[in-house]
Amino acid sequence: MIYAITFRIDHVGDYDARYDSFVKAITAQAEGIGGWWAEPTSFYLLRSSNTAVELADTIVAASKFDALRDLLVVIHISGVKGHAVRGAYADKDVLTLLAERSK
């Protein structure tokens, strides 16, 4: 399964440590050689056999992600169109738009 992952780490306090741990947690979830791509800022495309929810939960648990300040969006872009959103965000339209992918 292929996933698009985008995130925002809030620029306060221990930003560098949280960012580095988060990137490490994401790339650890990629399966196989050439299993991920990350040229745009804060965007990853990767292969994983986990669901979107499992992938999001594993990345959050393996990093210094702060759900009160940071944001993670995992979108399943192949096969079943699952998605998961974790952390702080104000614009709830993301949930409406992602839900429409399942129709």
C-alpha atoms as a PDB file:
ATOM      1  CA  MET A   1       0.000   0.000   0.000  1.00  0.00           C
ATOM      2  CA  ILE A   2       1.210   3.491  -0.780  1.00  0.00           C
ATOM      3  CA  TYR A   3       0.702   6.423   1.623  1.00  0.00           C
ATOM      4  CA  ALA A   4       1.125  10.174   1.385  1.00  0.00           C
ATOM      5  CA  ILE A   5       2.250  11.643   4.709  1.00  0.00           C
ATOM      6  CA  THR A   6       2.418  15.337   5.486  1.00  0.00           C
ATOM      7  CA  PHE A   7       3.146  16.967   8.815  1.00  0.00           C
ATOM      8  CA  ARG A   8       3.825  20.197  10.679  1.00  0.00           C
ATOM      9  CA  ILE A   9       6.070  20.370  13.753  1.00  0.00           C
ATOM     10  CA  ASP A  10       5.373  23.532  15.751  1.00  0.00           C
ATOM     11  CA  HIS A  11       8.414  25.856  15.972  1.00  0.00           C
ATOM     12  CA  VAL A  12       8.669  26.098  19.745  1.00  0.00           C
ATOM     13  CA  GLY A  13      11.020  24.720  22.366  1.00  0.00           C
ATOM     14  CA  ASP A  14      12.610  21.451  21.307  1.00  0.00           C
ATOM     15  CA  TYR A  15      11.668  21.765  17.610  1.00  0.00           C
ATOM     16  CA  ASP A  16      14.850  20.209  16.196  1.00  0.00           C
ATOM     17  CA  ALA A  17      14.687  17.148  18.434  1.00  0.00           C
ATOM     18  CA  ARG A  18      10.970  16.624  17.718  1.00  0.00           C
ATOM     19  CA  TYR A  19      11.442  17.118  13.965  1.00  0.00           C
ATOM     20  CA  ASP A  20      14.420  14.746  13.771  1.00  0.00           C
ATOM     21  CA  SER A  21      12.681  12.052  15.820  1.00  0.00           C
ATOM     22  CA  PHE A  22       9.568  12.371  13.668  1.00  0.00           C
ATOM     23  CA  VAL A  23      11.475  12.000  10.384  1.00  0.00           C
ATOM     24  CA  LYS A  24      13.289   8.973  11.802  1.00  0.00           C
ATOM     25  CA  ALA A  25       9.962   7.425  12.880  1.00  0.00           C
ATOM     26  CA  ILE A  26       8.460   7.954   9.409  1.00  0.00           C
ATOM     27  CA  THR A  27      11.379   6.541   7.433  1.00  0.00           C
ATOM     28  CA  ALA A  28      11.515   3.516   9.770  1.00  0.00           C
ATOM     29  CA  GLN A  29       8.005   2.591   8.570  1.00  0.00           C
ATOM     30  CA  ALA A  30       8.976   2.462   4.872  1.00  0.00           C
ATOM     31  CA  GLU A  31       9.162  -1.038   3.415  1.00  0.00           C
ATOM     32  CA  GLY A  32      11.720  -2.194   0.863  1.00  0.00           C
ATOM     33  CA  ILE A  33      14.452  -0.519  -1.134  1.00  0.00           C
ATOM     34  CA  GLY A  34      13.280   2.809  -2.483  1.00  0.00           C
ATOM     35  CA  GLY A  35      10.396   2.590  -0.004  1.00  0.00           C
ATOM     36  CA  TRP A  36      10.041   6.336   0.549  1.00  0.00           C
ATOM     37  CA  TRP A  37      10.397   9.726  -1.138  1.00  0.00           C
ATOM     38  CA  ALA A  38      10.732  13.081   0.660  1.00  0.00           C
ATOM     39  CA  GLU A  39      11.819  15.872  -1.685  1.00  0.00           C
ATOM     40  CA  PRO A  40       9.075  18.397  -0.765  1.00  0.00           C
ATOM     41  CA  THR A  41       9.276  19.891   2.714  1.00  0.00           C
ATOM     42  CA  SER A  42       7.362  17.898   5.345  1.00  0.00           C
ATOM     43  CA  PHE A  43       5.934  15.412   2.838  1.00  0.00           C
ATOM     44  CA  TYR A  44       6.682  11.715   2.463  1.00  0.00           C
ATOM     45  CA  LEU A  45       5.462   9.118   0.015  1.00  0.00           C
ATOM     46  CA  LEU A  46       6.059   5.596   1.281  1.00  0.00           C
ATOM     47  CA  ARG A  47       5.157   1.941   1.016  1.00  0.00           C
ATOM     48  CA  SER A  48       3.781   0.161   4.109  1.00  0.00           C
ATOM     49  CA  SER A  49       1.572  -2.857   4.809  1.00  0.00           C
ATOM     50  CA  ASN A  50      -0.015  -1.064   7.798  1.00  0.00           C
ATOM     51  CA  THR A  51      -3.358   0.743   7.690  1.00  0.00           C
ATOM     52  CA  ALA A  52      -3.361   4.557   7.776  1.00  0.00           C
ATOM     53  CA  VAL A  53      -4.398   4.487  11.432  1.00  0.00           C
ATOM     54  CA  GLU A  54      -1.694   1.945  12.361  1.00  0.00           C
ATOM     55  CA  LEU A  55       0.930   3.934  10.468  1.00  0.00           C
ATOM     56  CA  ALA A  56      -0.056   7.227  12.143  1.00  0.00           C
ATOM     57  CA  ASP A  57      -0.147   5.666  15.604  1.00  0.00           C
ATOM     58  CA  THR A  58       3.242   3.951  15.128  1.00  0.00           C
ATOM     59  CA  ILE A  59       4.928   7.154  13.907  1.00  0.00           C
ATOM     60  CA  VAL A  60       3.472   9.184  16.786  1.00  0.00           C
ATOM     61  CA  ALA A  61       4.508   6.569  19.363  1.00  0.00           C
ATOM     62  CA  ALA A  62       8.054   6.274  17.972  1.00  0.00           C
ATOM     63  CA  SER A  63       8.737  10.024  17.902  1.00  0.00           C
ATOM     64  CA  LYS A  64       8.577  13.117  20.094  1.00  0.00           C
ATOM     65  CA  PHE A  65       5.332  14.205  18.394  1.00  0.00           C
ATOM     66  CA  ASP A  66       3.305  16.604  20.552  1.00  0.00           C
ATOM     67  CA  ALA A  67      -0.391  16.226  19.708  1.00  0.00           C
ATOM     68  CA  LEU A  68      -1.157  19.583  21.331  1.00  0.00           C
ATOM     69  CA  ARG A  69       1.154  21.467  18.922  1.00  0.00           C
ATOM     70  CA  ASP A  70       2.090  19.257  15.977  1.00  0.00           C
ATOM     71  CA  LEU A  71       0.095  17.810  13.072  1.00  0.00           C
ATOM     72  CA  LEU A  72       0.274  14.540  11.102  1.00  0.00           C
ATOM     73  CA  VAL A  73      -1.882  13.497   8.136  1.00  0.00           C
ATOM     74  CA  VAL A  74      -1.557  10.006   6.604  1.00  0.00           C
ATOM     75  CA  ILE A  75      -3.496   9.353   3.394  1.00  0.00           C
ATOM     76  CA  HIS A  76      -3.808   5.920   1.788  1.00  0.00           C
ATOM     77  CA  ILE A  77      -3.556   6.596  -1.932  1.00  0.00           C
ATOM     78  CA  SER A  78      -3.709   3.039  -3.301  1.00  0.00           C
ATOM     79  CA  GLY A  79      -6.552   0.530  -2.989  1.00  0.00           C
ATOM     80  CA  VAL A  80      -8.867   1.246  -0.050  1.00  0.00           C
ATOM     81  CA  LYS A  81      -8.817   4.993   0.559  1.00  0.00           C
ATOM     82  CA  GLY A  82      -8.116   5.166   4.307  1.00  0.00           C
ATOM     83  CA  HIS A  83      -6.693   8.157   6.142  1.00  0.00           C
ATOM     84  CA  ALA A  84      -5.718   9.314   9.632  1.00  0.00           C
ATOM     85  CA  VAL A  85      -5.235  12.788  11.142  1.00  0.00           C
ATOM     86  CA  ARG A  86      -3.423  13.290  14.469  1.00  0.00           C
ATOM     87  CA  GLY A  87      -2.601  16.412  16.464  1.00  0.00           C
ATOM     88  CA  ALA A  88      -3.589  20.075  16.479  1.00  0.00           C
ATOM     89  CA  TYR A  89      -5.435  21.569  13.514  1.00  0.00           C
ATOM     90  CA  ALA A  90      -8.145  24.196  13.168  1.00  0.00           C
ATOM     91  CA  ASP A  91      -9.456  23.680   9.625  1.00  0.00           C
ATOM     92  CA  LYS A  92     -11.744  20.629   9.873  1.00  0.00           C
ATOM     93  CA  ASP A  93     -12.333  20.673   6.093  1.00  0.00           C
ATOM     94  CA  VAL A  94      -9.479  18.179   5.797  1.00  0.00           C
ATOM     95  CA  LEU A  95     -11.764  15.511   7.318  1.00  0.00           C
ATOM     96  CA  THR A  96     -14.629  16.339   4.952  1.00  0.00           C
ATOM     97  CA  LEU A  97     -12.393  16.255   1.902  1.00  0.00           C
ATOM     98  CA  LEU A  98     -10.657  13.014   2.870  1.00  0.00           C
ATOM     99  CA  ALA A  99     -13.990  11.313   3.636  1.00  0.00           C
ATOM    100  CA  GLU A 100     -15.138  12.073   0.095  1.00  0.00           C
ATOM    101  CA  ARG A 101     -12.337   9.858  -1.253  1.00  0.00           C
ATOM    102  CA  SER A 102     -14.161   6.795   0.136  1.00  0.00           C
ATOM    103  CA  LYS A 103     -17.362   7.422  -1.823  1.00  0.00           C
END
